[in-house]
Amino acid sequence: MFKILVIILIFVIVFAWEAPRLFRKKERKELAVFSCLVFIGLALSIAVVILSFI
């Protein structure tokens, strides 16, 4: 459980660091792509951790 919380925390920190910069520069397409990639990375990372318990 702790691993999942650490992964989520890392992804939130990365997103909170990059998203405002992209939003300020009005790079909407890059923000959309970045958001999708962060979501996919988060989902895959959590899936790997969950599958390691099985």
Protein backbone atom coordinates (compact mmCIF):
# COMPACT_ATOMS: atom_id res chain seq x y z
CA MET A 1 0.00 0.00 0.00
CA PHE A 2 2.86 2.34 0.81
CA LYS A 3 4.36 1.80 -2.66
CA ILE A 4 1.11 2.90 -4.32
CA LEU A 5 0.97 6.05 -2.20
CA VAL A 6 4.58 6.90 -3.07
CA ILE A 7 3.92 6.39 -6.79
CA ILE A 8 0.83 8.60 -6.64
CA LEU A 9 2.76 11.26 -4.73
CA ILE A 10 5.58 11.27 -7.30
CA PHE A 11 3.16 11.62 -10.21
CA VAL A 12 1.24 14.39 -8.44
CA ILE A 13 4.48 16.30 -7.79
CA VAL A 14 5.59 15.97 -11.41
CA PHE A 15 2.17 17.04 -12.69
CA ALA A 16 1.97 19.96 -10.25
CA TRP A 17 5.43 21.09 -11.37
CA GLU A 18 4.87 20.94 -15.14
CA ALA A 19 1.17 21.63 -15.66
CA PRO A 20 1.12 25.27 -14.48
CA ARG A 21 4.10 26.08 -16.71
CA LEU A 22 2.36 24.62 -19.74
CA PHE A 23 -0.88 26.38 -18.85
CA ARG A 24 0.88 29.74 -18.43
CA LYS A 25 2.56 29.47 -21.81
CA LYS A 26 -0.84 28.64 -23.35
CA GLU A 27 0.43 25.33 -24.69
CA ARG A 28 -2.93 23.56 -24.62
CA LYS A 29 -1.99 20.66 -26.91
CA GLU A 30 1.16 19.90 -24.95
CA LEU A 31 -0.80 20.08 -21.70
CA ALA A 32 -3.37 17.61 -23.04
CA VAL A 33 -0.68 15.19 -24.21
CA PHE A 34 1.24 15.57 -20.94
CA SER A 35 -1.91 14.90 -18.93
CA CYS A 36 -2.67 11.77 -20.94
CA LEU A 37 0.87 10.47 -20.59
CA VAL A 38 0.89 11.13 -16.84
CA PHE A 39 -2.41 9.29 -16.46
CA ILE A 40 -1.17 6.32 -18.51
CA GLY A 41 2.10 6.21 -16.59
CA LEU A 42 0.29 6.34 -13.26
CA ALA A 43 -2.12 3.57 -14.26
CA LEU A 44 0.68 1.32 -15.52
CA SER A 45 2.83 1.92 -12.45
CA ILE A 46 -0.01 1.06 -10.10
CA ALA A 47 -0.84 -2.01 -12.20
CA VAL A 48 2.74 -3.25 -11.93
CA VAL A 49 2.72 -2.82 -8.15
CA ILE A 50 -0.63 -4.60 -7.81
CA LEU A 51 0.46 -7.44 -10.09
CA SER A 52 3.63 -7.91 -8.06
CA PHE A 53 1.45 -8.86 -5.08
CA ILE A 54 -0.37 -11.58 -7.01
